Amino acid sequence: VLCSRSRVFADHDNSRSTFEICLYQDNADLCDALFRGTRRTLTVQDYMLANKAEAAFQLLQLHAEKLTVPDYIQEALAWIRE
């Protein structure tokens, strides 16, 4: 049960059902360049879903300043700061 001060944030597009999908779609060129050679049968998005911790670690270590944060995360952070 949520209290009246609580909010739930999610992407407005239901097809973007996980953080990894949103992160990939908002940063496709960057993710494709980074992970294209590390997988053989999976798409880059599927690789990121199957290797969440490793993908996140590499993205943060190598490209943190270039990442586009999904809108719903930005909205949640703005709400927290209010």
PDB file of N, CA and C in Angstrom:
ATOM      1  N   VAL A   1       0.850  -1.177   0.000  1.00  0.00           N
ATOM      2  CA  VAL A   1       0.000   0.000   0.000  1.00  0.00           C
ATOM      3  C   VAL A   1       0.893   1.236   0.000  1.00  0.00           C
ATOM      4  N   LEU A   2       0.614   2.104  -0.924  1.00  0.00           N
ATOM      5  CA  LEU A   2       1.369   3.345  -1.024  1.00  0.00           C
ATOM      6  C   LEU A   2       0.668   4.444  -0.247  1.00  0.00           C
ATOM      7  N   CYS A   3       1.445   5.294   0.373  1.00  0.00           N
ATOM      8  CA  CYS A   3       0.849   6.438   1.060  1.00  0.00           C
ATOM      9  C   CYS A   3       0.610   7.552   0.043  1.00  0.00           C
ATOM     10  N   SER A   4      -0.080   8.589   0.449  1.00  0.00           N
ATOM     11  CA  SER A   4      -0.453   9.671  -0.465  1.00  0.00           C
ATOM     12  C   SER A   4       0.754  10.433  -0.998  1.00  0.00           C
ATOM     13  N   ARG A   5       1.877  10.334  -0.325  1.00  0.00           N
ATOM     14  CA  ARG A   5       3.092  11.027  -0.767  1.00  0.00           C
ATOM     15  C   ARG A   5       3.933  10.183  -1.716  1.00  0.00           C
ATOM     16  N   SER A   6       3.544   8.956  -1.948  1.00  0.00           N
ATOM     17  CA  SER A   6       4.319   8.047  -2.802  1.00  0.00           C
ATOM     18  C   SER A   6       3.960   8.227  -4.270  1.00  0.00           C
ATOM     19  N   ARG A   7       4.943   7.957  -5.115  1.00  0.00           N
ATOM     20  CA  ARG A   7       4.721   7.954  -6.566  1.00  0.00           C
ATOM     21  C   ARG A   7       5.470   6.781  -7.156  1.00  0.00           C
ATOM     22  N   VAL A   8       4.953   6.262  -8.229  1.00  0.00           N
ATOM     23  CA  VAL A   8       5.604   5.183  -8.966  1.00  0.00           C
ATOM     24  C   VAL A   8       5.964   5.737 -10.338  1.00  0.00           C
ATOM     25  N   PHE A   9       7.208   5.537 -10.744  1.00  0.00           N
ATOM     26  CA  PHE A   9       7.671   6.040 -12.027  1.00  0.00           C
ATOM     27  C   PHE A   9       7.984   4.878 -12.948  1.00  0.00           C
ATOM     28  N   ALA A  10       7.556   5.000 -14.187  1.00  0.00           N
ATOM     29  CA  ALA A  10       7.837   3.990 -15.214  1.00  0.00           C
ATOM     30  C   ALA A  10       7.827   4.691 -16.562  1.00  0.00           C
ATOM     31  N   ASP A  11       8.394   4.042 -17.544  1.00  0.00           N
ATOM     32  CA  ASP A  11       8.396   4.611 -18.882  1.00  0.00           C
ATOM     33  C   ASP A  11       6.959   4.705 -19.392  1.00  0.00           C
ATOM     34  N   HIS A  12       6.680   5.709 -20.187  1.00  0.00           N
ATOM     35  CA  HIS A  12       5.330   5.916 -20.717  1.00  0.00           C
ATOM     36  C   HIS A  12       4.986   4.920 -21.822  1.00  0.00           C
ATOM     37  N   ASP A  13       6.001   4.276 -22.384  1.00  0.00           N
ATOM     38  CA  ASP A  13       5.816   3.286 -23.444  1.00  0.00           C
ATOM     39  C   ASP A  13       5.903   1.894 -22.819  1.00  0.00           C
ATOM     40  N   ASN A  14       4.805   1.160 -22.792  1.00  0.00           N
ATOM     41  CA  ASN A  14       4.774  -0.156 -22.144  1.00  0.00           C
ATOM     42  C   ASN A  14       5.697  -1.179 -22.788  1.00  0.00           C
ATOM     43  N   SER A  15       6.115  -0.953 -24.030  1.00  0.00           N
ATOM     44  CA  SER A  15       7.051  -1.892 -24.658  1.00  0.00           C
ATOM     45  C   SER A  15       8.456  -1.735 -24.085  1.00  0.00           C
ATOM     46  N   ARG A  16       8.694  -0.633 -23.382  1.00  0.00           N
ATOM     47  CA  ARG A  16       9.987  -0.396 -22.724  1.00  0.00           C
ATOM     48  C   ARG A  16       9.830  -0.844 -21.263  1.00  0.00           C
ATOM     49  N   SER A  17       9.789  -2.149 -21.075  1.00  0.00           N
ATOM     50  CA  SER A  17       9.354  -2.731 -19.803  1.00  0.00           C
ATOM     51  C   SER A  17      10.447  -2.905 -18.761  1.00  0.00           C
ATOM     52  N   THR A  18      11.700  -2.712 -19.119  1.00  0.00           N
ATOM     53  CA  THR A  18      12.778  -2.832 -18.135  1.00  0.00           C
ATOM     54  C   THR A  18      13.731  -1.656 -18.273  1.00  0.00           C
ATOM     55  N   PHE A  19      14.495  -1.424 -17.219  1.00  0.00           N
ATOM     56  CA  PHE A  19      15.519  -0.378 -17.250  1.00  0.00           C
ATOM     57  C   PHE A  19      16.498  -0.614 -18.389  1.00  0.00           C
ATOM     58  N   GLU A  20      16.904  -1.870 -18.585  1.00  0.00           N
ATOM     59  CA  GLU A  20      17.891  -2.183 -19.624  1.00  0.00           C
ATOM     60  C   GLU A  20      17.363  -1.876 -21.022  1.00  0.00           C
ATOM     61  N   ILE A  21      16.092  -2.171 -21.265  1.00  0.00           N
ATOM     62  CA  ILE A  21      15.507  -1.857 -22.570  1.00  0.00           C
ATOM     63  C   ILE A  21      15.493  -0.347 -22.785  1.00  0.00           C
ATOM     64  N   CYS A  22      15.082   0.391 -21.776  1.00  0.00           N
ATOM     65  CA  CYS A  22      15.078   1.854 -21.881  1.00  0.00           C
ATOM     66  C   CYS A  22      16.490   2.387 -22.092  1.00  0.00           C
ATOM     67  N   LEU A  23      17.427   1.885 -21.317  1.00  0.00           N
ATOM     68  CA  LEU A  23      18.810   2.343 -21.431  1.00  0.00           C
ATOM     69  C   LEU A  23      19.360   2.047 -22.821  1.00  0.00           C
ATOM     70  N   TYR A  24      19.091   0.843 -23.327  1.00  0.00           N
ATOM     71  CA  TYR A  24      19.564   0.500 -24.668  1.00  0.00           C
ATOM     72  C   TYR A  24      18.926   1.414 -25.713  1.00  0.00           C
ATOM     73  N   GLN A  25      17.610   1.551 -25.673  1.00  0.00           N
ATOM     74  CA  GLN A  25      16.926   2.329 -26.707  1.00  0.00           C
ATOM     75  C   GLN A  25      17.306   3.804 -26.675  1.00  0.00           C
ATOM     76  N   ASP A  26      17.605   4.332 -25.497  1.00  0.00           N
ATOM     77  CA  ASP A  26      18.014   5.732 -25.384  1.00  0.00           C
ATOM     78  C   ASP A  26      19.487   5.938 -25.726  1.00  0.00           C
ATOM     79  N   ASN A  27      20.250   4.856 -25.810  1.00  0.00           N
ATOM     80  CA  ASN A  27      21.694   4.929 -26.064  1.00  0.00           C
ATOM     81  C   ASN A  27      22.135   3.868 -27.069  1.00  0.00           C
ATOM     82  N   ALA A  28      21.310   3.605 -28.068  1.00  0.00           N
ATOM     83  CA  ALA A  28      21.548   2.488 -28.991  1.00  0.00           C
ATOM     84  C   ALA A  28      22.906   2.565 -29.685  1.00  0.00           C
ATOM     85  N   ASP A  29      23.281   3.716 -30.201  1.00  0.00           N
ATOM     86  CA  ASP A  29      24.563   3.815 -30.909  1.00  0.00           C
ATOM     87  C   ASP A  29      25.732   3.498 -29.989  1.00  0.00           C
ATOM     88  N   LEU A  30      25.704   4.045 -28.795  1.00  0.00           N
ATOM     89  CA  LEU A  30      26.765   3.808 -27.817  1.00  0.00           C
ATOM     90  C   LEU A  30      26.817   2.340 -27.413  1.00  0.00           C
ATOM     91  N   CYS A  31      25.664   1.754 -27.113  1.00  0.00           N
ATOM     92  CA  CYS A  31      25.605   0.347 -26.703  1.00  0.00           C
ATOM     93  C   CYS A  31      26.022  -0.581 -27.841  1.00  0.00           C
ATOM     94  N   ASP A  32      25.567  -0.292 -29.055  1.00  0.00           N
ATOM     95  CA  ASP A  32      25.942  -1.118 -30.200  1.00  0.00           C
ATOM     96  C   ASP A  32      27.452  -1.110 -30.396  1.00  0.00           C
ATOM     97  N   ALA A  33      28.058   0.061 -30.314  1.00  0.00           N
ATOM     98  CA  ALA A  33      29.506   0.160 -30.502  1.00  0.00           C
ATOM     99  C   ALA A  33      30.259  -0.591 -29.409  1.00  0.00           C
ATOM    100  N   LEU A  34      29.764  -0.518 -28.183  1.00  0.00           N
ATOM    101  CA  LEU A  34      30.454  -1.149 -27.058  1.00  0.00           C
ATOM    102  C   LEU A  34      30.278  -2.655 -27.036  1.00  0.00           C
ATOM    103  N   PHE A  35      29.075  -3.145 -27.307  1.00  0.00           N
ATOM    104  CA  PHE A  35      28.781  -4.571 -27.110  1.00  0.00           C
ATOM    105  C   PHE A  35      28.655  -5.389 -28.396  1.00  0.00           C
ATOM    106  N   ARG A  36      28.750  -4.773 -29.528  1.00  0.00           N
ATOM    107  CA  ARG A  36      28.556  -5.495 -30.788  1.00  0.00           C
ATOM    108  C   ARG A  36      29.490  -6.696 -30.905  1.00  0.00           C
ATOM    109  N   GLY A  37      30.747  -6.555 -30.549  1.00  0.00           N
ATOM    110  CA  GLY A  37      31.709  -7.642 -30.702  1.00  0.00           C
ATOM    111  C   GLY A  37      31.689  -8.671 -29.590  1.00  0.00           C
ATOM    112  N   THR A  38      30.966  -8.425 -28.505  1.00  0.00           N
ATOM    113  CA  THR A  38      30.995  -9.333 -27.351  1.00  0.00           C
ATOM    114  C   THR A  38      29.952 -10.430 -27.429  1.00  0.00           C
ATOM    115  N   ARG A  39      29.102 -10.397 -28.403  1.00  0.00           N
ATOM    116  CA  ARG A  39      28.043 -11.391 -28.496  1.00  0.00           C
ATOM    117  C   ARG A  39      28.072 -12.019 -29.884  1.00  0.00           C
ATOM    118  N   ARG A  40      27.578 -13.237 -29.960  1.00  0.00           N
ATOM    119  CA  ARG A  40      27.575 -13.933 -31.244  1.00  0.00           C
ATOM    120  C   ARG A  40      26.162 -14.212 -31.737  1.00  0.00           C
ATOM    121  N   THR A  41      25.271 -14.587 -30.855  1.00  0.00           N
ATOM    122  CA  THR A  41      23.917 -14.933 -31.290  1.00  0.00           C
ATOM    123  C   THR A  41      22.859 -13.970 -30.763  1.00  0.00           C
ATOM    124  N   LEU A  42      23.147 -13.232 -29.730  1.00  0.00           N
ATOM    125  CA  LEU A  42      22.173 -12.313 -29.142  1.00  0.00           C
ATOM    126  C   LEU A  42      22.255 -10.939 -29.793  1.00  0.00           C
ATOM    127  N   THR A  43      21.130 -10.253 -29.847  1.00  0.00           N
ATOM    128  CA  THR A  43      21.178  -8.838 -30.214  1.00  0.00           C
ATOM    129  C   THR A  43      21.863  -8.105 -29.067  1.00  0.00           C
ATOM    130  N   VAL A  44      22.280  -6.886 -29.305  1.00  0.00           N
ATOM    131  CA  VAL A  44      22.921  -6.117 -28.234  1.00  0.00           C
ATOM    132  C   VAL A  44      21.951  -5.936 -27.072  1.00  0.00           C
ATOM    133  N   GLN A  45      20.703  -5.628 -27.361  1.00  0.00           N
ATOM    134  CA  GLN A  45      19.715  -5.462 -26.286  1.00  0.00           C
ATOM    135  C   GLN A  45      19.546  -6.754 -25.494  1.00  0.00           C
ATOM    136  N   ASP A  46      19.455  -7.886 -26.176  1.00  0.00           N
ATOM    137  CA  ASP A  46      19.327  -9.171 -25.481  1.00  0.00           C
ATOM    138  C   ASP A  46      20.578  -9.493 -24.674  1.00  0.00           C
ATOM    139  N   TYR A  47      21.745  -9.136 -25.191  1.00  0.00           N
ATOM    140  CA  TYR A  47      22.990  -9.320 -24.436  1.00  0.00           C
ATOM    141  C   TYR A  47      22.932  -8.511 -23.141  1.00  0.00           C
ATOM    142  N   MET A  48      22.479  -7.266 -23.235  1.00  0.00           N
ATOM    143  CA  MET A  48      22.394  -6.417 -22.046  1.00  0.00           C
ATOM    144  C   MET A  48      21.401  -6.981 -21.034  1.00  0.00           C
ATOM    145  N   LEU A  49      20.299  -7.545 -21.510  1.00  0.00           N
ATOM    146  CA  LEU A  49      19.316  -8.151 -20.608  1.00  0.00           C
ATOM    147  C   LEU A  49      19.873  -9.402 -19.936  1.00  0.00           C
ATOM    148  N   ALA A  50      20.663 -10.176 -20.661  1.00  0.00           N
ATOM    149  CA  ALA A  50      21.213 -11.424 -20.124  1.00  0.00           C
ATOM    150  C   ALA A  50      22.440 -11.193 -19.251  1.00  0.00           C
ATOM    151  N   ASN A  51      23.070 -10.038 -19.380  1.00  0.00           N
ATOM    152  CA  ASN A  51      24.313  -9.731 -18.657  1.00  0.00           C
ATOM    153  C   ASN A  51      24.200  -8.356 -18.003  1.00  0.00           C
ATOM    154  N   LYS A  52      23.167  -8.185 -17.200  1.00  0.00           N
ATOM    155  CA  LYS A  52      22.815  -6.875 -16.656  1.00  0.00           C
ATOM    156  C   LYS A  52      23.953  -6.209 -15.888  1.00  0.00           C
ATOM    157  N   ALA A  53      24.542  -6.914 -14.954  1.00  0.00           N
ATOM    158  CA  ALA A  53      25.588  -6.313 -14.129  1.00  0.00           C
ATOM    159  C   ALA A  53      26.810  -5.958 -14.963  1.00  0.00           C
ATOM    160  N   GLU A  54      27.247  -6.866 -15.801  1.00  0.00           N
ATOM    161  CA  GLU A  54      28.429  -6.617 -16.637  1.00  0.00           C
ATOM    162  C   GLU A  54      28.184  -5.461 -17.604  1.00  0.00           C
ATOM    163  N   ALA A  55      27.024  -5.444 -18.234  1.00  0.00           N
ATOM    164  CA  ALA A  55      26.709  -4.367 -19.177  1.00  0.00           C
ATOM    165  C   ALA A  55      26.665  -3.018 -18.464  1.00  0.00           C
ATOM    166  N   ALA A  56      26.013  -2.963 -17.320  1.00  0.00           N
ATOM    167  CA  ALA A  56      25.929  -1.714 -16.560  1.00  0.00           C
ATOM    168  C   ALA A  56      27.307  -1.254 -16.113  1.00  0.00           C
ATOM    169  N   PHE A  57      28.123  -2.180 -15.635  1.00  0.00           N
ATOM    170  CA  PHE A  57      29.467  -1.840 -15.178  1.00  0.00           C
ATOM    171  C   PHE A  57      30.291  -1.255 -16.321  1.00  0.00           C
ATOM    172  N   GLN A  58      30.271  -1.899 -17.473  1.00  0.00           N
ATOM    173  CA  GLN A  58      31.045  -1.404 -18.616  1.00  0.00           C
ATOM    174  C   GLN A  58      30.546  -0.042 -19.085  1.00  0.00           C
ATOM    175  N   LEU A  59      29.236   0.124 -19.152  1.00  0.00           N
ATOM    176  CA  LEU A  59      28.694   1.418 -19.564  1.00  0.00           C
ATOM    177  C   LEU A  59      29.113   2.526 -18.605  1.00  0.00           C
ATOM    178  N   LEU A  60      29.014   2.266 -17.314  1.00  0.00           N
ATOM    179  CA  LEU A  60      29.385   3.288 -16.337  1.00  0.00           C
ATOM    180  C   LEU A  60      30.878   3.567 -16.340  1.00  0.00           C
ATOM    181  N   GLN A  61      31.681   2.532 -16.452  1.00  0.00           N
ATOM    182  CA  GLN A  61      33.134   2.730 -16.444  1.00  0.00           C
ATOM    183  C   GLN A  61      33.627   3.460 -17.675  1.00  0.00           C
ATOM    184  N   LEU A  62      33.066   3.130 -18.825  1.00  0.00           N
ATOM    185  CA  LEU A  62      33.609   3.648 -20.076  1.00  0.00           C
ATOM    186  C   LEU A  62      32.858   4.850 -20.646  1.00  0.00           C
ATOM    187  N   HIS A  63      31.579   4.999 -20.304  1.00  0.00           N
ATOM    188  CA  HIS A  63      30.777   6.024 -20.982  1.00  0.00           C
ATOM    189  C   HIS A  63      29.783   6.738 -20.072  1.00  0.00           C
ATOM    190  N   ALA A  64      30.038   6.813 -18.794  1.00  0.00           N
ATOM    191  CA  ALA A  64      29.072   7.414 -17.865  1.00  0.00           C
ATOM    192  C   ALA A  64      28.658   8.822 -18.289  1.00  0.00           C
ATOM    193  N   GLU A  65      29.611   9.618 -18.736  1.00  0.00           N
ATOM    194  CA  GLU A  65      29.314  11.012 -19.084  1.00  0.00           C
ATOM    195  C   GLU A  65      28.518  11.143 -20.381  1.00  0.00           C
ATOM    196  N   LYS A  66      28.476  10.084 -21.188  1.00  0.00           N
ATOM    197  CA  LYS A  66      27.776  10.133 -22.476  1.00  0.00           C
ATOM    198  C   LYS A  66      26.377   9.517 -22.425  1.00  0.00           C
ATOM    199  N   LEU A  67      26.051   8.818 -21.347  1.00  0.00           N
ATOM    200  CA  LEU A  67      24.774   8.100 -21.273  1.00  0.00           C
ATOM    201  C   LEU A  67      23.592   9.051 -21.166  1.00  0.00           C
ATOM    202  N   THR A  68      22.535   8.721 -21.870  1.00  0.00           N
ATOM    203  CA  THR A  68      21.258   9.405 -21.715  1.00  0.00           C
ATOM    204  C   THR A  68      20.443   8.595 -20.715  1.00  0.00           C
ATOM    205  N   VAL A  69      20.078   9.235 -19.625  1.00  0.00           N
ATOM    206  CA  VAL A  69      19.297   8.568 -18.582  1.00  0.00           C
ATOM    207  C   VAL A  69      17.837   8.521 -19.034  1.00  0.00           C
ATOM    208  N   PRO A  70      17.172   7.377 -18.904  1.00  0.00           N
ATOM    209  CA  PRO A  70      15.760   7.295 -19.302  1.00  0.00           C
ATOM    210  C   PRO A  70      14.915   8.376 -18.615  1.00  0.00           C
ATOM    211  N   ASP A  71      13.931   8.893 -19.343  1.00  0.00           N
ATOM    212  CA  ASP A  71      13.103   9.992 -18.838  1.00  0.00           C
ATOM    213  C   ASP A  71      12.475   9.691 -17.488  1.00  0.00           C
ATOM    214  N   TYR A  72      11.966   8.476 -17.296  1.00  0.00           N
ATOM    215  CA  TYR A  72      11.273   8.185 -16.038  1.00  0.00           C
ATOM    216  C   TYR A  72      12.228   8.231 -14.846  1.00  0.00           C
ATOM    217  N   ILE A  73      13.497   7.932 -15.061  1.00  0.00           N
ATOM    218  CA  ILE A  73      14.493   8.043 -13.987  1.00  0.00           C
ATOM    219  C   ILE A  73      14.746   9.524 -13.694  1.00  0.00           C
ATOM    220  N   GLN A  74      14.866  10.329 -14.743  1.00  0.00           N
ATOM    221  CA  GLN A  74      15.053  11.769 -14.553  1.00  0.00           C
ATOM    222  C   GLN A  74      13.860  12.380 -13.822  1.00  0.00           C
ATOM    223  N   GLU A  75      12.649  11.943 -14.184  1.00  0.00           N
ATOM    224  CA  GLU A  75      11.441  12.433 -13.513  1.00  0.00           C
ATOM    225  C   GLU A  75      11.438  12.040 -12.037  1.00  0.00           C
ATOM    226  N   ALA A  76      11.840  10.819 -11.740  1.00  0.00           N
ATOM    227  CA  ALA A  76      11.882  10.353 -10.348  1.00  0.00           C
ATOM    228  C   ALA A  76      12.898  11.150  -9.542  1.00  0.00           C
ATOM    229  N   LEU A  77      14.053  11.401 -10.119  1.00  0.00           N
ATOM    230  CA  LEU A  77      15.079  12.174  -9.412  1.00  0.00           C
ATOM    231  C   LEU A  77      14.619  13.604  -9.168  1.00  0.00           C
ATOM    232  N   ALA A  78      13.944  14.201 -10.136  1.00  0.00           N
ATOM    233  CA  ALA A  78      13.412  15.556  -9.953  1.00  0.00           C
ATOM    234  C   ALA A  78      12.375  15.576  -8.837  1.00  0.00           C
ATOM    235  N   TRP A  79      11.516  14.557  -8.776  1.00  0.00           N
ATOM    236  CA  TRP A  79      10.499  14.470  -7.725  1.00  0.00           C
ATOM    237  C   TRP A  79      11.151  14.329  -6.351  1.00  0.00           C
ATOM    238  N   ILE A  80      12.202  13.533  -6.261  1.00  0.00           N
ATOM    239  CA  ILE A  80      12.906  13.348  -4.987  1.00  0.00           C
ATOM    240  C   ILE A  80      13.499  14.669  -4.515  1.00  0.00           C
ATOM    241  N   ARG A  81      14.012  15.458  -5.444  1.00  0.00           N
ATOM    242  CA  ARG A  81      14.655  16.733  -5.094  1.00  0.00           C
ATOM    243  C   ARG A  81      13.657  17.797  -4.641  1.00  0.00           C
ATOM    244  N   GLU A  82      12.370  17.616  -4.961  1.00  0.00           N
ATOM    245  CA  GLU A  82      11.344  18.619  -4.599  1.00  0.00           C
ATOM    246  C   GLU A  82      11.177  18.761  -3.115  1.00  0.00           C
TER     247      GLU A  82
END
